[in-house]
N, C-alpha and C. Protein backbone atom coordinates (compact mmCIF):
# COMPACT_ATOMS: atom_id res chain seq x y z
N MET A 1 15.66 10.58 30.97
CA MET A 1 16.59 10.16 29.93
C MET A 1 17.35 8.92 30.43
N TYR A 2 17.54 7.97 29.53
CA TYR A 2 18.21 6.71 29.86
C TYR A 2 19.69 6.92 30.16
N SER A 3 20.16 6.19 31.15
CA SER A 3 21.59 6.18 31.48
C SER A 3 21.98 4.74 31.79
N PHE A 4 22.88 4.20 30.96
CA PHE A 4 23.38 2.86 31.22
C PHE A 4 23.98 2.80 32.62
N GLY A 5 24.74 3.82 32.97
CA GLY A 5 25.40 3.87 34.27
C GLY A 5 24.43 3.79 35.43
N LYS A 6 23.35 4.54 35.34
CA LYS A 6 22.35 4.52 36.43
C LYS A 6 21.69 3.15 36.52
N LYS A 7 21.41 2.56 35.37
CA LYS A 7 20.79 1.23 35.35
C LYS A 7 21.73 0.22 36.01
N LEU A 8 23.01 0.26 35.63
CA LEU A 8 23.99 -0.67 36.19
C LEU A 8 24.14 -0.44 37.70
N ARG A 9 24.24 0.81 38.12
CA ARG A 9 24.38 1.12 39.55
C ARG A 9 23.18 0.57 40.33
N ASN A 10 21.98 0.78 39.80
CA ASN A 10 20.78 0.28 40.49
C ASN A 10 20.78 -1.24 40.59
N LEU A 11 21.19 -1.92 39.53
CA LEU A 11 21.25 -3.38 39.56
C LEU A 11 22.26 -3.86 40.60
N ARG A 12 23.41 -3.20 40.64
CA ARG A 12 24.46 -3.57 41.59
C ARG A 12 23.98 -3.36 43.02
N ILE A 13 23.36 -2.23 43.27
CA ILE A 13 22.88 -1.90 44.62
C ILE A 13 21.78 -2.86 45.04
N GLU A 14 20.89 -3.21 44.10
CA GLU A 14 19.82 -4.18 44.41
C GLU A 14 20.39 -5.51 44.87
N LYS A 15 21.56 -5.88 44.33
CA LYS A 15 22.22 -7.13 44.74
C LYS A 15 23.04 -6.95 46.01
N GLY A 16 23.13 -5.70 46.50
CA GLY A 16 23.87 -5.43 47.72
C GLY A 16 25.38 -5.54 47.55
N LEU A 17 25.87 -5.20 46.37
CA LEU A 17 27.29 -5.33 46.07
C LEU A 17 27.98 -3.98 45.95
N SER A 18 29.22 -3.93 46.38
CA SER A 18 30.06 -2.77 46.10
C SER A 18 30.59 -2.91 44.68
N GLN A 19 31.20 -1.87 44.16
CA GLN A 19 31.79 -1.96 42.82
C GLN A 19 32.88 -3.03 42.80
N ALA A 20 33.69 -3.08 43.84
CA ALA A 20 34.76 -4.08 43.91
C ALA A 20 34.19 -5.50 43.98
N GLU A 21 33.13 -5.67 44.75
CA GLU A 21 32.52 -7.01 44.86
C GLU A 21 31.92 -7.44 43.52
N LEU A 22 31.28 -6.51 42.81
CA LEU A 22 30.74 -6.85 41.50
C LEU A 22 31.86 -7.25 40.55
N ALA A 23 32.95 -6.50 40.57
CA ALA A 23 34.09 -6.84 39.71
C ALA A 23 34.61 -8.24 40.04
N ASP A 24 34.76 -8.52 41.33
CA ASP A 24 35.26 -9.85 41.74
C ASP A 24 34.32 -10.96 41.29
N LYS A 25 33.02 -10.76 41.42
CA LYS A 25 32.05 -11.78 41.03
C LYS A 25 32.05 -11.99 39.52
N LEU A 26 32.11 -10.91 38.75
CA LEU A 26 32.17 -11.03 37.29
C LEU A 26 33.43 -11.78 36.86
N ASN A 27 34.55 -11.43 37.49
CA ASN A 27 35.81 -12.08 37.13
C ASN A 27 35.79 -13.56 37.47
N ALA A 28 35.22 -13.90 38.62
CA ALA A 28 35.17 -15.30 39.04
C ALA A 28 34.22 -16.11 38.14
N GLU A 29 33.09 -15.52 37.80
CA GLU A 29 32.09 -16.27 37.04
C GLU A 29 32.41 -16.35 35.55
N PHE A 30 33.01 -15.31 35.00
CA PHE A 30 33.20 -15.25 33.55
C PHE A 30 34.66 -15.23 33.12
N GLY A 31 35.59 -15.25 34.08
CA GLY A 31 37.00 -15.25 33.73
C GLY A 31 37.45 -13.95 33.08
N THR A 32 36.84 -12.85 33.48
CA THR A 32 37.17 -11.54 32.92
C THR A 32 38.20 -10.84 33.80
N SER A 33 38.56 -9.63 33.41
CA SER A 33 39.49 -8.84 34.21
C SER A 33 38.91 -7.45 34.48
N VAL A 34 37.68 -7.43 34.95
CA VAL A 34 36.99 -6.18 35.29
C VAL A 34 37.51 -5.71 36.64
N ASN A 35 37.64 -4.40 36.80
CA ASN A 35 38.05 -3.86 38.10
C ASN A 35 37.09 -2.76 38.54
N LYS A 36 37.23 -2.35 39.77
CA LYS A 36 36.35 -1.34 40.36
C LYS A 36 36.35 -0.05 39.55
N GLY A 37 37.52 0.35 39.07
CA GLY A 37 37.62 1.58 38.29
C GLY A 37 36.81 1.53 37.01
N MET A 38 36.79 0.37 36.35
CA MET A 38 36.00 0.22 35.13
C MET A 38 34.52 0.35 35.44
N ILE A 39 34.09 -0.30 36.51
CA ILE A 39 32.68 -0.23 36.89
C ILE A 39 32.30 1.20 37.24
N SER A 40 33.19 1.91 37.93
CA SER A 40 32.94 3.31 38.26
C SER A 40 32.76 4.15 37.00
N LYS A 41 33.62 3.93 36.00
CA LYS A 41 33.50 4.67 34.73
C LYS A 41 32.18 4.35 34.04
N TRP A 42 31.78 3.08 34.06
CA TRP A 42 30.50 2.70 33.44
C TRP A 42 29.35 3.35 34.16
N GLU A 43 29.37 3.28 35.50
CA GLU A 43 28.26 3.81 36.29
C GLU A 43 28.16 5.33 36.18
N ASN A 44 29.26 5.99 35.90
CA ASN A 44 29.25 7.45 35.76
C ASN A 44 29.16 7.88 34.30
N ASP A 45 28.85 6.90 33.43
CA ASP A 45 28.69 7.15 31.99
C ASP A 45 29.91 7.82 31.36
N LYS A 46 31.08 7.49 31.88
CA LYS A 46 32.34 7.99 31.30
C LYS A 46 32.79 7.09 30.16
N GLU A 47 32.52 5.80 30.28
CA GLU A 47 32.84 4.82 29.25
C GLU A 47 31.72 3.79 29.21
N GLU A 48 31.71 3.01 28.14
CA GLU A 48 30.76 1.90 28.02
C GLU A 48 31.54 0.60 27.94
N PRO A 49 31.01 -0.46 28.53
CA PRO A 49 31.70 -1.75 28.47
C PRO A 49 31.65 -2.35 27.06
N ARG A 50 32.57 -3.28 26.81
CA ARG A 50 32.55 -4.02 25.55
C ARG A 50 31.30 -4.90 25.50
N MET A 51 30.94 -5.32 24.30
CA MET A 51 29.73 -6.13 24.13
C MET A 51 29.82 -7.43 24.93
N GLU A 52 30.99 -8.06 24.96
CA GLU A 52 31.15 -9.30 25.73
C GLU A 52 30.84 -9.05 27.21
N THR A 53 31.28 -7.93 27.71
CA THR A 53 31.02 -7.59 29.11
C THR A 53 29.54 -7.31 29.33
N VAL A 54 28.90 -6.68 28.36
CA VAL A 54 27.46 -6.43 28.46
C VAL A 54 26.72 -7.77 28.53
N ARG A 55 27.14 -8.73 27.70
CA ARG A 55 26.52 -10.07 27.76
C ARG A 55 26.71 -10.69 29.14
N ASN A 56 27.89 -10.53 29.71
CA ASN A 56 28.16 -11.07 31.04
C ASN A 56 27.29 -10.40 32.09
N LEU A 57 27.11 -9.10 31.98
CA LEU A 57 26.26 -8.37 32.94
C LEU A 57 24.81 -8.86 32.85
N VAL A 58 24.33 -9.04 31.62
CA VAL A 58 22.97 -9.55 31.42
C VAL A 58 22.82 -10.91 32.08
N SER A 59 23.80 -11.77 31.87
CA SER A 59 23.75 -13.11 32.46
C SER A 59 23.86 -13.04 33.98
N PHE A 60 24.78 -12.25 34.49
CA PHE A 60 25.00 -12.16 35.93
C PHE A 60 23.75 -11.66 36.65
N PHE A 61 23.14 -10.62 36.12
CA PHE A 61 21.97 -10.04 36.78
C PHE A 61 20.67 -10.74 36.39
N ASN A 62 20.77 -11.71 35.47
CA ASN A 62 19.61 -12.48 35.02
C ASN A 62 18.51 -11.55 34.49
N ILE A 63 18.90 -10.70 33.56
CA ILE A 63 17.99 -9.73 32.95
C ILE A 63 18.12 -9.83 31.44
N SER A 64 17.22 -9.19 30.72
CA SER A 64 17.32 -9.16 29.27
C SER A 64 18.20 -8.00 28.83
N LEU A 65 18.76 -8.12 27.65
CA LEU A 65 19.53 -7.04 27.08
C LEU A 65 18.64 -5.81 26.88
N ASN A 66 17.42 -6.04 26.46
CA ASN A 66 16.49 -4.92 26.28
C ASN A 66 16.29 -4.15 27.58
N TYR A 67 16.18 -4.88 28.69
CA TYR A 67 16.01 -4.21 29.99
C TYR A 67 17.25 -3.41 30.34
N LEU A 68 18.42 -4.01 30.19
CA LEU A 68 19.66 -3.32 30.54
C LEU A 68 19.85 -2.07 29.70
N MET A 69 19.54 -2.17 28.41
CA MET A 69 19.76 -1.04 27.50
C MET A 69 18.53 -0.14 27.39
N ASP A 70 17.47 -0.47 28.13
CA ASP A 70 16.23 0.31 28.13
C ASP A 70 15.64 0.43 26.72
N ILE A 71 15.61 -0.71 26.05
CA ILE A 71 15.05 -0.76 24.70
C ILE A 71 13.59 -1.17 24.80
N LYS A 72 12.75 -0.34 24.26
CA LYS A 72 11.32 -0.63 24.24
C LYS A 72 10.94 -0.95 22.80
N TYR A 73 10.33 -2.09 22.62
CA TYR A 73 10.00 -2.56 21.28
C TYR A 73 8.51 -2.70 21.15
N ASP A 74 7.97 -2.04 20.18
CA ASP A 74 6.53 -2.11 19.92
C ASP A 74 6.33 -2.90 18.63
N ASP A 75 5.86 -4.12 18.78
CA ASP A 75 5.66 -4.95 17.59
C ASP A 75 4.22 -4.94 17.10
N SER A 76 3.43 -3.97 17.56
CA SER A 76 2.03 -3.91 17.15
C SER A 76 1.88 -3.65 15.65
N ASN A 77 2.88 -3.02 15.04
CA ASN A 77 2.82 -2.74 13.60
C ASN A 77 3.50 -3.84 12.78
N ASN A 78 4.04 -4.83 13.46
CA ASN A 78 4.75 -5.89 12.78
C ASN A 78 3.76 -7.01 12.44
N SER A 79 3.56 -7.25 11.16
CA SER A 79 2.57 -8.25 10.76
C SER A 79 3.17 -9.64 10.60
N THR A 80 4.49 -9.77 10.64
CA THR A 80 5.10 -11.08 10.52
C THR A 80 5.16 -11.76 11.88
N VAL A 81 5.14 -13.07 11.85
CA VAL A 81 5.19 -13.86 13.07
C VAL A 81 6.56 -14.51 13.17
N SER A 82 7.21 -14.35 14.30
CA SER A 82 8.50 -14.98 14.51
C SER A 82 8.30 -16.43 14.90
N VAL A 83 9.19 -17.27 14.43
CA VAL A 83 9.14 -18.69 14.76
C VAL A 83 10.42 -19.04 15.51
N ILE A 84 10.24 -19.68 16.65
CA ILE A 84 11.39 -20.10 17.46
C ILE A 84 11.30 -21.60 17.66
N ASP A 85 12.35 -22.31 17.31
CA ASP A 85 12.42 -23.75 17.54
C ASP A 85 13.43 -23.98 18.67
N ILE A 86 12.95 -24.43 19.81
CA ILE A 86 13.81 -24.54 20.99
C ILE A 86 14.47 -25.90 21.15
N ALA A 87 14.22 -26.82 20.23
CA ALA A 87 14.76 -28.18 20.37
C ALA A 87 16.28 -28.18 20.48
N GLU A 88 16.95 -27.49 19.57
CA GLU A 88 18.42 -27.48 19.60
C GLU A 88 18.94 -26.78 20.85
N ASP A 89 18.26 -25.71 21.28
CA ASP A 89 18.67 -25.01 22.50
C ASP A 89 18.57 -25.94 23.71
N MET A 90 17.51 -26.73 23.76
CA MET A 90 17.35 -27.66 24.88
C MET A 90 18.44 -28.73 24.86
N LYS A 91 18.75 -29.24 23.66
CA LYS A 91 19.81 -30.25 23.54
C LYS A 91 21.17 -29.65 23.90
N THR A 92 21.40 -28.40 23.51
CA THR A 92 22.64 -27.72 23.86
C THR A 92 22.75 -27.56 25.37
N LEU A 93 21.65 -27.22 26.01
CA LEU A 93 21.64 -27.06 27.47
C LEU A 93 21.93 -28.39 28.16
N VAL A 94 21.36 -29.47 27.67
CA VAL A 94 21.64 -30.79 28.23
C VAL A 94 23.13 -31.09 28.12
N ASN A 95 23.69 -30.84 26.94
CA ASN A 95 25.12 -31.08 26.71
C ASN A 95 25.97 -30.21 27.64
N LEU A 96 25.59 -28.97 27.81
CA LEU A 96 26.32 -28.06 28.70
C LEU A 96 26.30 -28.57 30.13
N LEU A 97 25.14 -29.00 30.59
CA LEU A 97 25.01 -29.52 31.95
C LEU A 97 25.87 -30.77 32.16
N LYS A 98 26.00 -31.58 31.12
CA LYS A 98 26.74 -32.83 31.24
C LYS A 98 28.25 -32.66 31.09
N THR A 99 28.68 -31.70 30.30
CA THR A 99 30.10 -31.66 29.93
C THR A 99 30.88 -30.43 30.36
N SER A 100 30.21 -29.37 30.77
CA SER A 100 30.92 -28.12 31.05
C SER A 100 31.80 -28.23 32.30
N ASP A 101 33.00 -27.70 32.17
CA ASP A 101 33.91 -27.61 33.31
C ASP A 101 33.72 -26.29 34.06
N GLN A 102 32.91 -25.41 33.50
CA GLN A 102 32.67 -24.12 34.13
C GLN A 102 31.60 -24.25 35.22
N GLU A 103 31.62 -23.31 36.14
CA GLU A 103 30.55 -23.26 37.14
C GLU A 103 29.26 -22.93 36.42
N ILE A 104 28.20 -23.61 36.78
CA ILE A 104 26.89 -23.32 36.21
C ILE A 104 26.00 -22.84 37.35
N ARG A 105 25.33 -21.73 37.11
CA ARG A 105 24.50 -21.12 38.15
C ARG A 105 23.06 -21.01 37.66
N PHE A 106 22.15 -21.00 38.62
CA PHE A 106 20.74 -20.77 38.35
C PHE A 106 20.29 -19.66 39.29
N ASN A 107 19.90 -18.53 38.71
CA ASN A 107 19.54 -17.34 39.51
C ASN A 107 20.64 -17.00 40.50
N GLY A 108 21.89 -17.14 40.07
CA GLY A 108 23.03 -16.76 40.90
C GLY A 108 23.52 -17.84 41.84
N THR A 109 22.78 -18.95 41.97
CA THR A 109 23.17 -20.02 42.88
C THR A 109 23.93 -21.10 42.12
N LEU A 110 25.10 -21.44 42.63
CA LEU A 110 25.92 -22.47 42.01
C LEU A 110 25.23 -23.83 42.07
N LEU A 111 25.19 -24.52 40.93
CA LEU A 111 24.55 -25.83 40.87
C LEU A 111 25.57 -26.92 41.19
N SER A 112 25.19 -27.84 42.05
CA SER A 112 26.04 -28.99 42.37
C SER A 112 26.00 -29.99 41.22
N GLU A 113 26.91 -30.94 41.23
CA GLU A 113 26.93 -31.97 40.19
C GLU A 113 25.63 -32.78 40.20
N ASP A 114 25.11 -33.08 41.40
CA ASP A 114 23.85 -33.83 41.49
C ASP A 114 22.70 -33.05 40.86
N VAL A 115 22.65 -31.76 41.11
CA VAL A 115 21.58 -30.94 40.54
C VAL A 115 21.74 -30.86 39.02
N LYS A 116 22.98 -30.71 38.54
CA LYS A 116 23.20 -30.67 37.09
C LYS A 116 22.78 -32.00 36.45
N ASP A 117 23.10 -33.13 37.11
CA ASP A 117 22.70 -34.44 36.59
C ASP A 117 21.17 -34.55 36.54
N THR A 118 20.52 -34.15 37.61
CA THR A 118 19.06 -34.21 37.67
C THR A 118 18.43 -33.34 36.59
N LEU A 119 18.97 -32.14 36.41
CA LEU A 119 18.44 -31.24 35.38
C LEU A 119 18.64 -31.82 33.98
N SER A 120 19.81 -32.39 33.72
CA SER A 120 20.06 -32.93 32.38
C SER A 120 19.13 -34.10 32.08
N VAL A 121 18.93 -34.99 33.05
CA VAL A 121 18.00 -36.11 32.85
C VAL A 121 16.58 -35.59 32.66
N SER A 122 16.18 -34.63 33.46
CA SER A 122 14.84 -34.06 33.33
C SER A 122 14.63 -33.41 31.97
N LEU A 123 15.62 -32.66 31.51
CA LEU A 123 15.51 -32.03 30.20
C LEU A 123 15.47 -33.06 29.08
N GLU A 124 16.27 -34.12 29.20
CA GLU A 124 16.23 -35.18 28.20
C GLU A 124 14.84 -35.81 28.14
N ASN A 125 14.25 -36.06 29.31
CA ASN A 125 12.90 -36.62 29.34
C ASN A 125 11.88 -35.65 28.76
N LEU A 126 12.05 -34.37 29.04
CA LEU A 126 11.15 -33.36 28.49
C LEU A 126 11.27 -33.30 26.97
N ILE A 127 12.48 -33.41 26.46
CA ILE A 127 12.69 -33.43 25.01
C ILE A 127 11.97 -34.63 24.39
N LEU A 128 12.16 -35.81 24.98
CA LEU A 128 11.51 -37.02 24.46
C LEU A 128 9.99 -36.90 24.51
N LEU A 129 9.47 -36.41 25.61
CA LEU A 129 8.03 -36.24 25.76
C LEU A 129 7.49 -35.23 24.75
N THR A 130 8.20 -34.14 24.57
CA THR A 130 7.77 -33.12 23.62
C THR A 130 7.80 -33.66 22.20
N GLU A 131 8.83 -34.42 21.87
CA GLU A 131 8.89 -35.04 20.54
C GLU A 131 7.70 -35.96 20.32
N LYS A 132 7.38 -36.75 21.33
CA LYS A 132 6.26 -37.69 21.22
C LYS A 132 4.94 -36.95 21.07
N ILE A 133 4.71 -35.95 21.89
CA ILE A 133 3.46 -35.18 21.85
C ILE A 133 3.32 -34.42 20.55
N SER A 134 4.41 -33.83 20.08
CA SER A 134 4.33 -32.99 18.87
C SER A 134 4.12 -33.81 17.59
N LYS A 135 4.37 -35.12 17.64
CA LYS A 135 4.14 -35.98 16.48
C LYS A 135 2.68 -36.36 16.34
N ASN A 136 1.93 -36.22 17.42
CA ASN A 136 0.50 -36.60 17.39
C ASN A 136 -0.37 -35.48 16.87
């Protein structure tokens, strides 16, 4: 049987963090006010975090919401095809890399200004190249 608490505890332990360390990292990265007691309640399935906190956990652990919530989706009976246009998302990411005052991380590693600049230029070039290729 699924337990949000067990899933969270396993993720925390895999990162080698105590409950207090996880709280400190979440607060530093997302500007939240999580404490060890809250994490303990979540891990023991006494309470559930707010949706904003769930989003932060997904981002922090670099996992999908479906994985965290143990949602299994079978689309074999779904005859419709989903369409995703990533152009705006890519442009938003470029803008974020160029203008954000927040720390930006990749797989938990803080990105330096040089790396953010390189990524933004690379993404801009990828957008231009994709636009050119997709017109042909």
